[in-house]
Amino acid sequence: MPKRVLTGRVTSDKMDKSITVLVERRIMHPLYKKFIRRSKSYVAHDDANLCKEGDTVQIEECRPISKRKTWVVVLRNGGAVELPEFLAVEAAAAPAAAASEGATP
């Protein structure tokens, strides 16, 4: 199953190795057919503390890092961000595991 990817704006970078990202989406009202903005905040892992308040970031779903943090920063202002070591190891192991499952004798 593919991982979800969301785009949003950094609203807080006061935590160490964590940021708060506000993701806005537009939905149509079922009765009035007018577009309404809905927003939700996500806590994402920023290993190098690169992201600052106001940056546009792309976050990707990952395994739980803490109680509220299950997202990791992938892109910052259009440029790629290096994945943390523990997630890079898992990403490299995943294709190898999927290939071995399909090759049953």
Protein backbone atom coordinates (compact mmCIF):
# COMPACT_ATOMS: atom_id res chain seq x y z
CA MET A 1 0.00 0.00 0.00
CA PRO A 2 1.47 3.41 -0.92
CA LYS A 3 2.25 5.91 1.79
CA ARG A 4 0.15 9.05 2.01
CA VAL A 5 1.84 12.32 1.06
CA LEU A 6 0.47 15.69 2.20
CA THR A 7 1.54 19.27 1.46
CA GLY A 8 1.25 22.05 4.03
CA ARG A 9 2.78 25.06 5.73
CA VAL A 10 5.02 24.94 8.83
CA THR A 11 3.28 26.70 11.72
CA SER A 12 5.73 25.86 14.51
CA ASP A 13 9.39 24.80 14.65
CA LYS A 14 9.96 25.27 18.39
CA MET A 15 10.41 21.56 19.13
CA ASP A 16 13.68 19.71 18.64
CA LYS A 17 13.60 17.56 15.47
CA SER A 18 9.85 18.14 15.12
CA ILE A 19 7.61 20.61 13.31
CA THR A 20 3.89 21.30 13.18
CA VAL A 21 2.43 21.36 9.68
CA LEU A 22 -0.96 22.87 8.82
CA VAL A 23 -2.58 21.04 5.89
CA GLU A 24 -5.54 22.76 4.23
CA ARG A 25 -7.99 21.08 1.91
CA ARG A 26 -11.03 22.38 0.05
CA ILE A 27 -14.32 20.51 0.18
CA MET A 28 -17.66 21.30 -1.40
CA HIS A 29 -20.59 21.89 0.95
CA PRO A 30 -23.18 19.19 0.27
CA LEU A 31 -26.18 21.54 0.28
CA TYR A 32 -24.89 24.97 -0.77
CA LYS A 33 -22.23 23.72 -3.23
CA LYS A 34 -19.77 26.31 -1.97
CA PHE A 35 -16.11 25.38 -1.42
CA ILE A 36 -15.06 25.47 2.24
CA ARG A 37 -11.53 25.28 3.63
CA ARG A 38 -10.85 22.57 6.19
CA SER A 39 -7.51 22.34 7.97
CA LYS A 40 -5.70 19.91 10.23
CA SER A 41 -2.33 20.05 12.00
CA TYR A 42 0.20 17.22 11.86
CA VAL A 43 3.42 16.78 13.82
CA ALA A 44 6.26 15.72 11.50
CA HIS A 45 9.84 14.59 12.06
CA ASP A 46 12.52 17.04 10.87
CA ASP A 47 15.81 15.30 11.67
CA ALA A 48 18.15 18.15 10.70
CA ASN A 49 15.98 21.01 12.07
CA LEU A 50 16.01 22.62 8.61
CA CYS A 51 12.38 23.72 8.38
CA LYS A 52 11.42 27.17 9.60
CA GLU A 53 8.04 28.73 10.23
CA GLY A 54 6.28 29.62 6.97
CA ASP A 55 8.08 27.01 4.81
CA THR A 56 6.01 24.88 2.44
CA VAL A 57 6.77 21.22 3.09
CA GLN A 58 5.68 17.83 1.85
CA ILE A 59 5.27 15.16 4.53
CA GLU A 60 5.02 11.40 4.11
CA GLU A 61 3.45 8.82 6.36
CA CYS A 62 5.90 6.59 8.28
CA ARG A 63 5.98 4.28 11.26
CA PRO A 64 5.16 5.86 14.65
CA ILE A 65 8.16 7.79 15.96
CA SER A 66 6.39 8.99 19.11
CA LYS A 67 2.83 9.26 20.43
CA ARG A 68 1.72 11.97 17.96
CA LYS A 69 4.50 11.88 15.36
CA THR A 70 3.85 9.51 12.43
CA TRP A 71 4.98 11.77 9.56
CA VAL A 72 8.40 12.66 8.17
CA VAL A 73 9.44 15.67 6.05
CA VAL A 74 10.28 14.69 2.45
CA LEU A 75 10.47 18.03 0.60
CA ARG A 76 11.13 21.56 1.88
CA ASN A 77 10.33 24.52 -0.42
CA GLY A 78 10.57 22.18 -3.41
CA GLY A 79 14.00 20.74 -2.50
CA ALA A 80 14.56 17.20 -1.24
CA VAL A 81 15.37 16.58 2.43
CA GLU A 82 17.59 13.72 3.52
CA LEU A 83 15.64 10.98 5.31
CA PRO A 84 16.72 10.08 8.85
CA GLU A 85 18.97 7.05 9.22
CA PHE A 86 16.39 4.76 10.86
CA LEU A 87 13.83 5.43 8.11
CA ALA A 88 16.37 5.11 5.29
CA VAL A 89 17.29 1.61 6.53
CA GLU A 90 13.62 0.57 6.55
CA ALA A 91 13.03 1.98 3.06
CA ALA A 92 16.00 0.05 1.67
CA ALA A 93 14.86 -3.19 3.34
CA ALA A 94 11.24 -2.93 2.11
CA PRO A 95 11.88 -3.61 -1.62
CA ALA A 96 14.13 -6.53 -0.79
CA ALA A 97 11.44 -8.05 1.45
CA ALA A 98 8.77 -7.60 -1.21
CA ALA A 99 10.96 -9.29 -3.85
CA SER A 100 11.63 -12.27 -1.60
CA GLU A 101 7.90 -12.76 -0.90
CA GLY A 102 7.08 -13.00 -4.62
CA ALA A 103 9.86 -15.53 -5.35
CA THR A 104 8.46 -18.67 -3.74
CA PRO A 105 9.91 -21.93 -5.04
